[in-house]
Amino acid sequence: MKYEDEVKGKGKQAIGAAKEKLGKLVGDRDLEESGTQERFEGRVQEQLGKGRRKVGEAVEDLGERIAGKR
């Protein structure tokens, strides 16, 4: 799937944000920190996915140009 890492990263960010808010609400510092970490990991995963997709699209475009399809 072309957007897999981007989608998984967004999901991790959402779960992390929920954990973070729940941790703040119940006063669980460990849960809050876990949520913050998960949100960060999700952002990194999403950005890596975007970069990977853009590189793939550039390679496909270059291949099409070389093949004379554009």
N, C-alpha and C. Protein backbone atom coordinates (compact mmCIF):
# COMPACT_ATOMS: atom_id res chain seq x y z
N MET A 1 0.84 -1.17 0.00
CA MET A 1 0.00 0.00 0.00
C MET A 1 0.89 1.24 0.00
N LYS A 2 0.57 2.15 -0.85
CA LYS A 2 1.40 3.34 -1.04
C LYS A 2 1.42 4.26 0.17
N TYR A 3 0.32 4.37 0.87
CA TYR A 3 0.21 5.31 1.98
C TYR A 3 0.22 4.63 3.34
N GLU A 4 0.65 3.39 3.41
CA GLU A 4 0.56 2.60 4.64
C GLU A 4 1.24 3.28 5.84
N ASP A 5 2.49 3.70 5.68
CA ASP A 5 3.19 4.33 6.81
C ASP A 5 2.54 5.65 7.21
N GLU A 6 2.04 6.39 6.25
CA GLU A 6 1.38 7.65 6.57
C GLU A 6 0.12 7.40 7.39
N VAL A 7 -0.67 6.42 7.00
CA VAL A 7 -1.91 6.11 7.70
C VAL A 7 -1.61 5.55 9.09
N LYS A 8 -0.65 4.64 9.18
CA LYS A 8 -0.29 4.08 10.48
C LYS A 8 0.27 5.16 11.41
N GLY A 9 1.04 6.07 10.84
CA GLY A 9 1.59 7.17 11.64
C GLY A 9 0.50 8.07 12.20
N LYS A 10 -0.50 8.37 11.37
CA LYS A 10 -1.62 9.20 11.84
C LYS A 10 -2.40 8.47 12.93
N GLY A 11 -2.55 7.16 12.77
CA GLY A 11 -3.24 6.37 13.79
C GLY A 11 -2.49 6.40 15.12
N LYS A 12 -1.16 6.25 15.04
CA LYS A 12 -0.35 6.30 16.26
C LYS A 12 -0.46 7.66 16.93
N GLN A 13 -0.51 8.70 16.13
CA GLN A 13 -0.64 10.05 16.70
C GLN A 13 -1.96 10.19 17.44
N ALA A 14 -3.03 9.66 16.86
CA ALA A 14 -4.34 9.77 17.49
C ALA A 14 -4.38 8.98 18.80
N ILE A 15 -3.85 7.77 18.78
CA ILE A 15 -3.82 6.95 20.00
C ILE A 15 -2.95 7.62 21.06
N GLY A 16 -1.82 8.15 20.64
CA GLY A 16 -0.93 8.83 21.58
C GLY A 16 -1.59 10.04 22.21
N ALA A 17 -2.31 10.81 21.41
CA ALA A 17 -3.00 11.99 21.94
C ALA A 17 -4.06 11.58 22.96
N ALA A 18 -4.77 10.49 22.68
CA ALA A 18 -5.78 10.01 23.62
C ALA A 18 -5.14 9.56 24.93
N LYS A 19 -4.04 8.82 24.83
CA LYS A 19 -3.33 8.37 26.04
C LYS A 19 -2.83 9.57 26.84
N GLU A 20 -2.30 10.54 26.12
CA GLU A 20 -1.77 11.73 26.78
C GLU A 20 -2.87 12.46 27.56
N LYS A 21 -4.02 12.65 26.92
CA LYS A 21 -5.12 13.35 27.59
C LYS A 21 -5.68 12.54 28.75
N LEU A 22 -5.80 11.23 28.56
CA LEU A 22 -6.30 10.38 29.64
C LEU A 22 -5.33 10.39 30.82
N GLY A 23 -4.04 10.35 30.51
CA GLY A 23 -3.03 10.42 31.57
C GLY A 23 -3.12 11.70 32.37
N LYS A 24 -3.33 12.82 31.67
CA LYS A 24 -3.48 14.11 32.36
C LYS A 24 -4.74 14.11 33.22
N LEU A 25 -5.82 13.55 32.66
CA LEU A 25 -7.10 13.55 33.34
C LEU A 25 -7.06 12.75 34.65
N VAL A 26 -6.42 11.59 34.62
CA VAL A 26 -6.40 10.74 35.82
C VAL A 26 -5.14 10.93 36.66
N GLY A 27 -4.24 11.80 36.20
CA GLY A 27 -3.02 12.07 36.95
C GLY A 27 -1.98 10.98 36.85
N ASP A 28 -2.02 10.22 35.74
CA ASP A 28 -1.05 9.14 35.52
C ASP A 28 0.07 9.65 34.62
N ARG A 29 1.15 10.06 35.24
CA ARG A 29 2.28 10.66 34.51
C ARG A 29 2.89 9.67 33.51
N ASP A 30 2.96 8.38 33.85
CA ASP A 30 3.52 7.38 32.95
C ASP A 30 2.68 7.24 31.68
N LEU A 31 1.36 7.21 31.84
CA LEU A 31 0.47 7.11 30.69
C LEU A 31 0.58 8.36 29.82
N GLU A 32 0.67 9.50 30.44
CA GLU A 32 0.81 10.76 29.71
C GLU A 32 2.10 10.76 28.89
N GLU A 33 3.20 10.34 29.50
CA GLU A 33 4.49 10.30 28.81
C GLU A 33 4.47 9.25 27.69
N SER A 34 3.81 8.13 27.94
CA SER A 34 3.68 7.10 26.92
C SER A 34 2.93 7.66 25.70
N GLY A 35 1.88 8.42 25.97
CA GLY A 35 1.11 9.04 24.89
C GLY A 35 1.94 10.05 24.11
N THR A 36 2.72 10.84 24.82
CA THR A 36 3.59 11.82 24.15
C THR A 36 4.59 11.12 23.24
N GLN A 37 5.17 10.04 23.74
CA GLN A 37 6.14 9.27 22.96
C GLN A 37 5.48 8.66 21.73
N GLU A 38 4.29 8.12 21.90
CA GLU A 38 3.59 7.49 20.78
C GLU A 38 3.20 8.52 19.72
N ARG A 39 2.79 9.70 20.15
CA ARG A 39 2.49 10.77 19.19
C ARG A 39 3.73 11.14 18.38
N PHE A 40 4.87 11.25 19.06
CA PHE A 40 6.12 11.57 18.39
C PHE A 40 6.48 10.48 17.37
N GLU A 41 6.39 9.22 17.79
CA GLU A 41 6.70 8.11 16.89
C GLU A 41 5.77 8.12 15.68
N GLY A 42 4.51 8.47 15.90
CA GLY A 42 3.56 8.56 14.80
C GLY A 42 3.92 9.64 13.80
N ARG A 43 4.35 10.79 14.32
CA ARG A 43 4.77 11.88 13.42
C ARG A 43 5.97 11.46 12.59
N VAL A 44 6.93 10.80 13.23
CA VAL A 44 8.12 10.34 12.51
C VAL A 44 7.73 9.32 11.45
N GLN A 45 6.87 8.37 11.79
CA GLN A 45 6.45 7.34 10.84
C GLN A 45 5.71 7.97 9.66
N GLU A 46 4.85 8.95 9.94
CA GLU A 46 4.11 9.62 8.87
C GLU A 46 5.07 10.35 7.93
N GLN A 47 6.03 11.07 8.49
CA GLN A 47 6.98 11.81 7.66
C GLN A 47 7.86 10.88 6.83
N LEU A 48 8.27 9.77 7.41
CA LEU A 48 9.06 8.79 6.65
C LEU A 48 8.22 8.23 5.50
N GLY A 49 6.96 7.96 5.78
CA GLY A 49 6.06 7.46 4.74
C GLY A 49 5.90 8.46 3.61
N LYS A 50 5.74 9.73 3.95
CA LYS A 50 5.62 10.77 2.93
C LYS A 50 6.89 10.86 2.08
N GLY A 51 8.02 10.81 2.75
CA GLY A 51 9.30 10.87 2.03
C GLY A 51 9.47 9.69 1.11
N ARG A 52 9.16 8.50 1.61
CA ARG A 52 9.27 7.28 0.81
C ARG A 52 8.36 7.34 -0.40
N ARG A 53 7.13 7.83 -0.19
CA ARG A 53 6.17 7.94 -1.29
C ARG A 53 6.66 8.93 -2.35
N LYS A 54 7.17 10.07 -1.89
CA LYS A 54 7.64 11.08 -2.84
C LYS A 54 8.84 10.57 -3.65
N VAL A 55 9.74 9.85 -3.01
CA VAL A 55 10.88 9.28 -3.73
C VAL A 55 10.37 8.26 -4.76
N GLY A 56 9.43 7.44 -4.35
CA GLY A 56 8.86 6.44 -5.27
C GLY A 56 8.20 7.09 -6.47
N GLU A 57 7.44 8.16 -6.21
CA GLU A 57 6.78 8.87 -7.31
C GLU A 57 7.81 9.50 -8.25
N ALA A 58 8.90 10.03 -7.70
CA ALA A 58 9.94 10.62 -8.54
C ALA A 58 10.62 9.56 -9.39
N VAL A 59 10.86 8.39 -8.81
CA VAL A 59 11.48 7.30 -9.57
C VAL A 59 10.54 6.84 -10.69
N GLU A 60 9.25 6.71 -10.39
CA GLU A 60 8.28 6.32 -11.42
C GLU A 60 8.25 7.35 -12.55
N ASP A 61 8.25 8.62 -12.18
CA ASP A 61 8.23 9.70 -13.18
C ASP A 61 9.47 9.64 -14.05
N LEU A 62 10.61 9.44 -13.42
CA LEU A 62 11.86 9.35 -14.17
C LEU A 62 11.83 8.15 -15.11
N GLY A 63 11.32 7.03 -14.64
CA GLY A 63 11.21 5.84 -15.48
C GLY A 63 10.34 6.08 -16.69
N GLU A 64 9.22 6.78 -16.48
CA GLU A 64 8.34 7.11 -17.59
C GLU A 64 9.00 8.05 -18.59
N ARG A 65 9.77 9.00 -18.08
CA ARG A 65 10.48 9.93 -18.98
C ARG A 65 11.53 9.18 -19.80
N ILE A 66 12.24 8.29 -19.13
CA ILE A 66 13.28 7.51 -19.84
C ILE A 66 12.63 6.63 -20.89
N ALA A 67 11.51 6.06 -20.58
CA ALA A 67 10.81 5.17 -21.52
C ALA A 67 10.12 5.97 -22.62
N GLY A 68 10.11 7.28 -22.50
CA GLY A 68 9.52 8.13 -23.53
C GLY A 68 8.02 8.21 -23.47
N LYS A 69 7.46 7.90 -22.32
CA LYS A 69 6.01 7.95 -22.18
C LYS A 69 5.51 9.34 -21.83
N ARG A 70 6.40 10.25 -21.57
CA ARG A 70 5.98 11.62 -21.25
C ARG A 70 6.68 12.59 -22.15
